[in-house]
Amino acid sequence: MREEAVRSLRTLEQTTATLAADLRPVRTDVAVMRESTSRLPEGIAKLDTVGAATTSIDGRAESLDRDTTQLVDQIAAMQQTIEGLKGSVEELPGTAGTGALARVRDAIGGQPS
């Protein structure tokens, strides 16, 4: 019976040694995972910051789009006004030469009459 107990104990020791050897890579993987996951809260906080910045940039871009559209409309209105003035100045008497009206005509790109 003693021999049987010794054999069982040796078998148990071999099995334990085999299991320990098989578990070494798993322990290494768990250590790597633990190290990697320990940085997750920091990474999530950074992602939240980037998300907030992106939202802010999106809002600014929308505002810039509205402002740009308004500027384009204002420039178009000014161009129409200038075209109207150009025609009015060209029709004024005395716009030829070097007088004040001629200088206005030249400044807005009109043609001498």
N, C-alpha and C. Protein backbone atom coordinates (compact mmCIF):
# COMPACT_ATOMS: atom_id res chain seq x y z
N MET A 1 0.81 -1.17 0.00
CA MET A 1 0.00 0.00 0.00
C MET A 1 0.88 1.27 0.00
N ARG A 2 1.96 1.11 0.71
CA ARG A 2 2.87 2.23 0.74
C ARG A 2 3.43 2.53 -0.64
N GLU A 3 3.78 1.51 -1.40
CA GLU A 3 4.28 1.69 -2.76
C GLU A 3 3.23 2.37 -3.63
N GLU A 4 2.01 1.96 -3.45
CA GLU A 4 0.93 2.55 -4.22
C GLU A 4 0.77 4.03 -3.86
N ALA A 5 0.90 4.37 -2.61
CA ALA A 5 0.81 5.76 -2.17
C ALA A 5 1.97 6.57 -2.74
N VAL A 6 3.17 5.97 -2.77
CA VAL A 6 4.34 6.65 -3.32
C VAL A 6 4.15 6.87 -4.81
N ARG A 7 3.63 5.88 -5.52
CA ARG A 7 3.38 6.04 -6.95
C ARG A 7 2.33 7.12 -7.21
N SER A 8 1.31 7.11 -6.42
CA SER A 8 0.26 8.12 -6.57
C SER A 8 0.82 9.51 -6.29
N LEU A 9 1.67 9.58 -5.28
CA LEU A 9 2.28 10.87 -4.95
C LEU A 9 3.20 11.33 -6.06
N ARG A 10 3.97 10.44 -6.66
CA ARG A 10 4.83 10.80 -7.80
C ARG A 10 3.99 11.24 -9.00
N THR A 11 2.92 10.50 -9.27
CA THR A 11 2.03 10.87 -10.37
C THR A 11 1.44 12.25 -10.12
N LEU A 12 1.05 12.48 -8.88
CA LEU A 12 0.50 13.79 -8.52
C LEU A 12 1.55 14.89 -8.68
N GLU A 13 2.78 14.62 -8.29
CA GLU A 13 3.87 15.60 -8.45
C GLU A 13 4.13 15.89 -9.93
N GLN A 14 4.13 14.84 -10.75
CA GLN A 14 4.35 15.03 -12.19
C GLN A 14 3.21 15.84 -12.82
N THR A 15 2.00 15.50 -12.43
CA THR A 15 0.84 16.22 -12.95
C THR A 15 0.89 17.69 -12.52
N THR A 16 1.27 17.93 -11.28
CA THR A 16 1.39 19.29 -10.78
C THR A 16 2.48 20.05 -11.53
N ALA A 17 3.60 19.42 -11.78
CA ALA A 17 4.70 20.05 -12.52
C ALA A 17 4.26 20.36 -13.95
N THR A 18 3.54 19.44 -14.58
CA THR A 18 3.05 19.66 -15.94
C THR A 18 2.06 20.83 -15.97
N LEU A 19 1.14 20.85 -15.01
CA LEU A 19 0.17 21.94 -14.94
C LEU A 19 0.86 23.28 -14.70
N ALA A 20 1.85 23.29 -13.83
CA ALA A 20 2.58 24.53 -13.55
C ALA A 20 3.28 25.02 -14.82
N ALA A 21 3.88 24.09 -15.57
CA ALA A 21 4.55 24.48 -16.82
C ALA A 21 3.54 24.99 -17.83
N ASP A 22 2.38 24.35 -17.90
CA ASP A 22 1.34 24.79 -18.83
C ASP A 22 0.77 26.16 -18.44
N LEU A 23 0.76 26.47 -17.15
CA LEU A 23 0.18 27.72 -16.69
C LEU A 23 1.13 28.90 -16.79
N ARG A 24 2.42 28.68 -16.95
CA ARG A 24 3.37 29.80 -17.04
C ARG A 24 3.02 30.79 -18.16
N PRO A 25 2.75 30.32 -19.38
CA PRO A 25 2.38 31.28 -20.43
C PRO A 25 1.07 32.02 -20.10
N VAL A 26 0.15 31.34 -19.48
CA VAL A 26 -1.12 31.96 -19.12
C VAL A 26 -0.86 33.07 -18.09
N ARG A 27 0.02 32.80 -17.12
CA ARG A 27 0.35 33.82 -16.11
C ARG A 27 0.97 35.04 -16.78
N THR A 28 1.83 34.79 -17.77
CA THR A 28 2.44 35.90 -18.50
C THR A 28 1.38 36.69 -19.24
N ASP A 29 0.47 35.99 -19.91
CA ASP A 29 -0.62 36.67 -20.63
C ASP A 29 -1.49 37.48 -19.68
N VAL A 30 -1.79 36.93 -18.53
CA VAL A 30 -2.61 37.65 -17.55
C VAL A 30 -1.88 38.90 -17.06
N ALA A 31 -0.57 38.78 -16.84
CA ALA A 31 0.21 39.95 -16.40
C ALA A 31 0.20 41.04 -17.47
N VAL A 32 0.35 40.64 -18.73
CA VAL A 32 0.32 41.61 -19.83
C VAL A 32 -1.06 42.27 -19.92
N MET A 33 -2.11 41.47 -19.79
CA MET A 33 -3.47 42.01 -19.83
C MET A 33 -3.71 42.96 -18.67
N ARG A 34 -3.23 42.59 -17.50
CA ARG A 34 -3.41 43.45 -16.33
C ARG A 34 -2.71 44.79 -16.56
N GLU A 35 -1.51 44.76 -17.10
CA GLU A 35 -0.76 45.98 -17.39
C GLU A 35 -1.50 46.83 -18.43
N SER A 36 -1.99 46.18 -19.46
CA SER A 36 -2.70 46.90 -20.52
C SER A 36 -4.00 47.53 -20.01
N THR A 37 -4.74 46.78 -19.26
CA THR A 37 -6.03 47.29 -18.79
C THR A 37 -5.87 48.33 -17.68
N SER A 38 -4.73 48.37 -17.04
CA SER A 38 -4.53 49.37 -15.99
C SER A 38 -4.49 50.78 -16.58
N ARG A 39 -4.18 50.89 -17.87
CA ARG A 39 -4.11 52.19 -18.53
C ARG A 39 -5.42 52.59 -19.19
N LEU A 40 -6.42 51.73 -19.15
CA LEU A 40 -7.69 52.03 -19.81
C LEU A 40 -8.37 53.28 -19.27
N PRO A 41 -8.46 53.50 -17.98
CA PRO A 41 -9.13 54.72 -17.51
C PRO A 41 -8.47 55.99 -18.06
N GLU A 42 -7.16 56.01 -18.12
CA GLU A 42 -6.45 57.16 -18.68
C GLU A 42 -6.79 57.35 -20.15
N GLY A 43 -6.81 56.24 -20.89
CA GLY A 43 -7.14 56.30 -22.32
C GLY A 43 -8.58 56.75 -22.55
N ILE A 44 -9.49 56.28 -21.73
CA ILE A 44 -10.89 56.67 -21.86
C ILE A 44 -11.05 58.16 -21.58
N ALA A 45 -10.34 58.65 -20.57
CA ALA A 45 -10.39 60.09 -20.26
C ALA A 45 -9.87 60.91 -21.44
N LYS A 46 -8.81 60.44 -22.08
CA LYS A 46 -8.28 61.16 -23.25
C LYS A 46 -9.28 61.13 -24.39
N LEU A 47 -9.93 60.01 -24.61
CA LEU A 47 -10.95 59.92 -25.66
C LEU A 47 -12.11 60.86 -25.38
N ASP A 48 -12.51 60.96 -24.12
CA ASP A 48 -13.57 61.90 -23.76
C ASP A 48 -13.16 63.33 -24.08
N THR A 49 -11.91 63.67 -23.80
CA THR A 49 -11.41 65.02 -24.09
C THR A 49 -11.42 65.28 -25.59
N VAL A 50 -10.98 64.30 -26.36
CA VAL A 50 -10.98 64.44 -27.82
C VAL A 50 -12.41 64.57 -28.33
N GLY A 51 -13.32 63.81 -27.78
CA GLY A 51 -14.72 63.89 -28.20
C GLY A 51 -15.31 65.26 -27.92
N ALA A 52 -15.00 65.82 -26.75
CA ALA A 52 -15.50 67.16 -26.42
C ALA A 52 -14.90 68.20 -27.36
N ALA A 53 -13.62 68.07 -27.68
CA ALA A 53 -12.97 69.01 -28.60
C ALA A 53 -13.59 68.91 -29.99
N THR A 54 -13.87 67.71 -30.43
CA THR A 54 -14.48 67.50 -31.74
C THR A 54 -15.87 68.14 -31.80
N THR A 55 -16.63 67.98 -30.74
CA THR A 55 -17.96 68.60 -30.68
C THR A 55 -17.84 70.11 -30.75
N SER A 56 -16.87 70.65 -30.04
CA SER A 56 -16.65 72.10 -30.06
C SER A 56 -16.26 72.57 -31.46
N ILE A 57 -15.40 71.83 -32.12
CA ILE A 57 -14.97 72.18 -33.48
C ILE A 57 -16.15 72.10 -34.44
N ASP A 58 -16.99 71.08 -34.29
CA ASP A 58 -18.17 70.97 -35.14
C ASP A 58 -19.07 72.19 -34.99
N GLY A 59 -19.27 72.64 -33.76
CA GLY A 59 -20.10 73.82 -33.51
C GLY A 59 -19.49 75.06 -34.14
N ARG A 60 -18.18 75.20 -34.03
CA ARG A 60 -17.51 76.35 -34.64
C ARG A 60 -17.61 76.30 -36.16
N ALA A 61 -17.49 75.11 -36.72
CA ALA A 61 -17.58 74.97 -38.18
C ALA A 61 -18.96 75.38 -38.67
N GLU A 62 -19.99 74.99 -37.94
CA GLU A 62 -21.35 75.38 -38.32
C GLU A 62 -21.50 76.89 -38.26
N SER A 63 -20.94 77.50 -37.22
CA SER A 63 -21.01 78.95 -37.08
C SER A 63 -20.26 79.64 -38.22
N LEU A 64 -19.09 79.10 -38.57
CA LEU A 64 -18.32 79.66 -39.69
C LEU A 64 -19.08 79.53 -41.01
N ASP A 65 -19.75 78.41 -41.19
CA ASP A 65 -20.55 78.23 -42.40
C ASP A 65 -21.65 79.29 -42.50
N ARG A 66 -22.34 79.53 -41.39
CA ARG A 66 -23.40 80.55 -41.38
C ARG A 66 -22.81 81.93 -41.67
N ASP A 67 -21.70 82.26 -40.99
CA ASP A 67 -21.07 83.57 -41.19
C ASP A 67 -20.60 83.75 -42.63
N THR A 68 -20.03 82.69 -43.21
CA THR A 68 -19.55 82.76 -44.59
C THR A 68 -20.71 82.99 -45.55
N THR A 69 -21.80 82.30 -45.33
CA THR A 69 -22.99 82.48 -46.18
C THR A 69 -23.49 83.91 -46.09
N GLN A 70 -23.53 84.46 -44.88
CA GLN A 70 -23.97 85.84 -44.71
C GLN A 70 -23.02 86.80 -45.42
N LEU A 71 -21.71 86.57 -45.31
CA LEU A 71 -20.75 87.43 -46.00
C LEU A 71 -20.91 87.37 -47.51
N VAL A 72 -21.11 86.19 -48.05
CA VAL A 72 -21.30 86.04 -49.49
C VAL A 72 -22.54 86.82 -49.92
N ASP A 73 -23.61 86.72 -49.14
CA ASP A 73 -24.84 87.47 -49.47
C ASP A 73 -24.59 88.97 -49.41
N GLN A 74 -23.86 89.43 -48.40
CA GLN A 74 -23.56 90.86 -48.28
C GLN A 74 -22.68 91.35 -49.43
N ILE A 75 -21.70 90.56 -49.82
CA ILE A 75 -20.83 90.94 -50.94
C ILE A 75 -21.64 91.03 -52.23
N ALA A 76 -22.53 90.06 -52.43
CA ALA A 76 -23.38 90.09 -53.63
C ALA A 76 -24.25 91.35 -53.65
N ALA A 77 -24.79 91.73 -52.48
CA ALA A 77 -25.61 92.95 -52.41
C ALA A 77 -24.75 94.17 -52.70
N MET A 78 -23.53 94.21 -52.17
CA MET A 78 -22.64 95.35 -52.43
C MET A 78 -22.27 95.43 -53.91
N GLN A 79 -22.05 94.27 -54.54
CA GLN A 79 -21.73 94.27 -55.97
C GLN A 79 -22.89 94.85 -56.78
N GLN A 80 -24.10 94.48 -56.40
CA GLN A 80 -25.27 95.03 -57.10
C GLN A 80 -25.34 96.54 -56.90
N THR A 81 -25.09 96.99 -55.68
CA THR A 81 -25.10 98.43 -55.40
C THR A 81 -24.04 99.15 -56.22
N ILE A 82 -22.83 98.59 -56.28
CA ILE A 82 -21.74 99.19 -57.05
C ILE A 82 -22.09 99.24 -58.53
N GLU A 83 -22.68 98.17 -59.05
CA GLU A 83 -23.08 98.17 -60.46
C GLU A 83 -24.12 99.26 -60.71
N GLY A 84 -25.06 99.41 -59.77
CA GLY A 84 -26.06 100.46 -59.92
C GLY A 84 -25.43 101.85 -59.86
N LEU A 85 -24.48 102.04 -58.95
CA LEU A 85 -23.80 103.32 -58.86
C LEU A 85 -22.98 103.61 -60.11
N LYS A 86 -22.36 102.57 -60.63
CA LYS A 86 -21.54 102.73 -61.83
C LYS A 86 -22.39 103.28 -62.97
N GLY A 87 -23.55 102.71 -63.14
CA GLY A 87 -24.45 103.19 -64.19
C GLY A 87 -24.90 104.62 -63.93
N SER A 88 -25.18 104.94 -62.68
CA SER A 88 -25.63 106.30 -62.34
C SER A 88 -24.53 107.32 -62.58
N VAL A 89 -23.29 106.98 -62.20
CA VAL A 89 -22.18 107.91 -62.37
C VAL A 89 -21.87 108.11 -63.84
N GLU A 90 -21.99 107.06 -64.63
CA GLU A 90 -21.70 107.17 -66.06
C GLU A 90 -22.71 108.09 -66.76
N GLU A 91 -23.91 108.19 -66.20
CA GLU A 91 -24.94 109.02 -66.81
C GLU A 91 -24.85 110.48 -66.38
N LEU A 92 -24.05 110.79 -65.35
CA LEU A 92 -23.94 112.18 -64.88
C LEU A 92 -23.18 113.03 -65.90
N PRO A 93 -23.61 114.29 -66.05
CA PRO A 93 -22.86 115.17 -66.96
C PRO A 93 -21.52 115.53 -66.31
N GLY A 94 -20.53 115.71 -67.13
CA GLY A 94 -19.21 116.12 -66.65
C GLY A 94 -18.40 115.00 -66.04
N THR A 95 -18.68 113.76 -66.41
CA THR A 95 -17.91 112.66 -65.84
C THR A 95 -16.62 112.39 -66.60
N ALA A 96 -16.45 113.05 -67.74
CA ALA A 96 -15.20 112.88 -68.49
C ALA A 96 -14.16 113.81 -67.88
N GLY A 97 -12.90 113.53 -68.06
CA GLY A 97 -11.85 114.44 -67.59
C GLY A 97 -11.29 114.01 -66.25
N THR A 98 -10.88 115.04 -65.44
CA THR A 98 -10.19 114.74 -64.20
C THR A 98 -10.91 115.28 -62.98
N GLY A 99 -12.16 115.69 -63.11
CA GLY A 99 -12.91 116.23 -61.98
C GLY A 99 -13.28 115.14 -60.98
N ALA A 100 -14.00 115.57 -59.94
CA ALA A 100 -14.40 114.65 -58.86
C ALA A 100 -15.24 113.50 -59.40
N LEU A 101 -16.18 113.80 -60.28
CA LEU A 101 -17.02 112.74 -60.83
C LEU A 101 -16.22 111.76 -61.68
N ALA A 102 -15.24 112.27 -62.40
CA ALA A 102 -14.39 111.37 -63.20
C ALA A 102 -13.59 110.44 -62.28
N ARG A 103 -13.12 111.00 -61.18
CA ARG A 103 -12.35 110.16 -60.24
C ARG A 103 -13.25 109.08 -59.61
N VAL A 104 -14.50 109.42 -59.30
CA VAL A 104 -15.44 108.44 -58.77
C VAL A 104 -15.68 107.36 -59.82
N ARG A 105 -15.91 107.82 -61.09
CA ARG A 105 -16.13 106.86 -62.17
C ARG A 105 -14.95 105.91 -62.29
N ASP A 106 -13.74 106.44 -62.24
CA ASP A 106 -12.53 105.62 -62.36
C ASP A 106 -12.41 104.64 -61.19
N ALA A 107 -12.77 105.11 -59.98
CA ALA A 107 -12.66 104.28 -58.78
C ALA A 107 -13.60 103.08 -58.82
N ILE A 108 -14.76 103.26 -59.43
CA ILE A 108 -15.71 102.14 -59.48
C ILE A 108 -15.63 101.39 -60.80
N GLY A 109 -14.70 101.77 -61.63
CA GLY A 109 -14.47 101.01 -62.86
C GLY A 109 -15.38 101.36 -63.99
N GLY A 110 -15.96 102.53 -64.01
CA GLY A 110 -16.83 102.93 -65.11
C GLY A 110 -16.05 103.35 -66.34
N GLN A 111 -16.73 103.48 -67.45
CA GLN A 111 -16.11 103.92 -68.70
C GLN A 111 -16.43 105.39 -68.94
N PRO A 112 -15.47 106.14 -69.47
CA PRO A 112 -15.76 107.55 -69.76
C PRO A 112 -16.85 107.66 -70.82
N SER A 113 -17.64 108.71 -70.72
CA SER A 113 -18.72 108.90 -71.70
C SER A 113 -18.24 109.70 -72.89
